Amino acid sequence: MAYTAADREALERALARGERRVTFGDKTVEYRSVDELRAALREVDAALAREAGRPKLRQIRVTTGKGL
């Protein structure tokens, strides 16, 4: 499915308002939880980045210690 910037904005608005129901044009989707809504937003972000030719951002965390 091709996502649009309007789809992303609708997800952001719903997340900001604490709503779980989002309307995309003539379709309405009700998410089970806020976490599911956040996952949908991440999926839309990734799809839009792929379409724009940008690589997926990755974050690597390194922790070190002195030892015992």
C-alpha atoms as a PDB file:
ATOM      1  CA  MET A   1       0.000   0.000   0.000  1.00  0.00           C
ATOM      2  CA  ALA A   2       1.294   3.451  -0.887  1.00  0.00           C
ATOM      3  CA  TYR A   3       1.053   5.867   2.009  1.00  0.00           C
ATOM      4  CA  THR A   4       0.769   9.628   1.751  1.00  0.00           C
ATOM      5  CA  ALA A   5       1.824  12.490   3.985  1.00  0.00           C
ATOM      6  CA  ALA A   6      -1.876  12.985   4.793  1.00  0.00           C
ATOM      7  CA  ASP A   7      -2.027   9.409   6.142  1.00  0.00           C
ATOM      8  CA  ARG A   8       0.931  10.149   8.391  1.00  0.00           C
ATOM      9  CA  GLU A   9      -0.638  13.386   9.615  1.00  0.00           C
ATOM     10  CA  ALA A  10      -3.897  11.586  10.442  1.00  0.00           C
ATOM     11  CA  LEU A  11      -1.980   9.052  12.537  1.00  0.00           C
ATOM     12  CA  GLU A  12      -0.051  11.802  14.314  1.00  0.00           C
ATOM     13  CA  ARG A  13      -3.258  13.721  15.092  1.00  0.00           C
ATOM     14  CA  ALA A  14      -4.901  10.622  16.529  1.00  0.00           C
ATOM     15  CA  LEU A  15      -1.838   9.853  18.630  1.00  0.00           C
ATOM     16  CA  ALA A  16      -1.664  13.416  19.950  1.00  0.00           C
ATOM     17  CA  ARG A  17      -5.350  13.346  20.904  1.00  0.00           C
ATOM     18  CA  GLY A  18      -5.175   9.886  22.447  1.00  0.00           C
ATOM     19  CA  GLU A  19      -7.657   8.495  19.942  1.00  0.00           C
ATOM     20  CA  ARG A  20      -7.456   5.001  18.523  1.00  0.00           C
ATOM     21  CA  ARG A  21      -9.717   5.549  15.516  1.00  0.00           C
ATOM     22  CA  VAL A  22      -8.190   7.057  12.379  1.00  0.00           C
ATOM     23  CA  THR A  23      -9.904   7.936   9.098  1.00  0.00           C
ATOM     24  CA  PHE A  24      -7.974   7.733   5.830  1.00  0.00           C
ATOM     25  CA  GLY A  25     -10.136   9.163   3.077  1.00  0.00           C
ATOM     26  CA  ASP A  26     -13.164   6.862   3.006  1.00  0.00           C
ATOM     27  CA  LYS A  27     -11.683   4.175   5.313  1.00  0.00           C
ATOM     28  CA  THR A  28     -11.715   4.136   9.101  1.00  0.00           C
ATOM     29  CA  VAL A  29      -9.340   2.024  11.163  1.00  0.00           C
ATOM     30  CA  GLU A  30      -9.611   1.448  14.897  1.00  0.00           C
ATOM     31  CA  TYR A  31      -6.389   0.376  16.569  1.00  0.00           C
ATOM     32  CA  ARG A  32      -6.464  -1.849  19.641  1.00  0.00           C
ATOM     33  CA  SER A  33      -3.903   0.174  21.575  1.00  0.00           C
ATOM     34  CA  VAL A  34      -1.707   3.227  21.454  1.00  0.00           C
ATOM     35  CA  ASP A  35       1.277   0.925  20.896  1.00  0.00           C
ATOM     36  CA  GLU A  36      -0.396  -0.476  17.791  1.00  0.00           C
ATOM     37  CA  LEU A  37      -1.019   3.077  16.574  1.00  0.00           C
ATOM     38  CA  ARG A  38       2.657   3.938  17.132  1.00  0.00           C
ATOM     39  CA  ALA A  39       3.678   0.817  15.194  1.00  0.00           C
ATOM     40  CA  ALA A  40       1.464   1.917  12.296  1.00  0.00           C
ATOM     41  CA  LEU A  41       3.098   5.353  12.359  1.00  0.00           C
ATOM     42  CA  ARG A  42       6.568   3.740  12.243  1.00  0.00           C
ATOM     43  CA  GLU A  43       5.457   1.617   9.275  1.00  0.00           C
ATOM     44  CA  VAL A  44       4.180   4.675   7.408  1.00  0.00           C
ATOM     45  CA  ASP A  45       7.413   6.560   8.169  1.00  0.00           C
ATOM     46  CA  ALA A  46       9.487   3.659   6.847  1.00  0.00           C
ATOM     47  CA  ALA A  47       7.371   3.351   3.690  1.00  0.00           C
ATOM     48  CA  LEU A  48       7.571   7.077   2.974  1.00  0.00           C
ATOM     49  CA  ALA A  49      11.347   6.982   3.492  1.00  0.00           C
ATOM     50  CA  ARG A  50      11.682   4.051   1.062  1.00  0.00           C
ATOM     51  CA  GLU A  51       9.602   5.860  -1.546  1.00  0.00           C
ATOM     52  CA  ALA A  52      11.768   8.966  -1.159  1.00  0.00           C
ATOM     53  CA  GLY A  53      14.914   6.882  -1.567  1.00  0.00           C
ATOM     54  CA  ARG A  54      16.188   7.538   1.946  1.00  0.00           C
ATOM     55  CA  PRO A  55      17.746   4.652   3.854  1.00  0.00           C
ATOM     56  CA  LYS A  56      16.081   3.414   7.023  1.00  0.00           C
ATOM     57  CA  LEU A  57      17.591   5.076  10.070  1.00  0.00           C
ATOM     58  CA  ARG A  58      19.275   2.703  12.461  1.00  0.00           C
ATOM     59  CA  GLN A  59      20.463   3.400  15.956  1.00  0.00           C
ATOM     60  CA  ILE A  60      23.189   1.407  17.653  1.00  0.00           C
ATOM     61  CA  ARG A  61      23.847   1.810  21.358  1.00  0.00           C
ATOM     62  CA  VAL A  62      27.156   0.801  22.847  1.00  0.00           C
ATOM     63  CA  THR A  63      27.714   0.530  26.566  1.00  0.00           C
ATOM     64  CA  THR A  64      31.017  -0.163  28.244  1.00  0.00           C
ATOM     65  CA  GLY A  65      32.146  -0.816  31.732  1.00  0.00           C
ATOM     66  CA  LYS A  66      35.366  -1.111  33.664  1.00  0.00           C
ATOM     67  CA  GLY A  67      34.684  -4.676  34.588  1.00  0.00           C
ATOM     68  CA  LEU A  68      34.443  -6.310  37.967  1.00  0.00           C
END
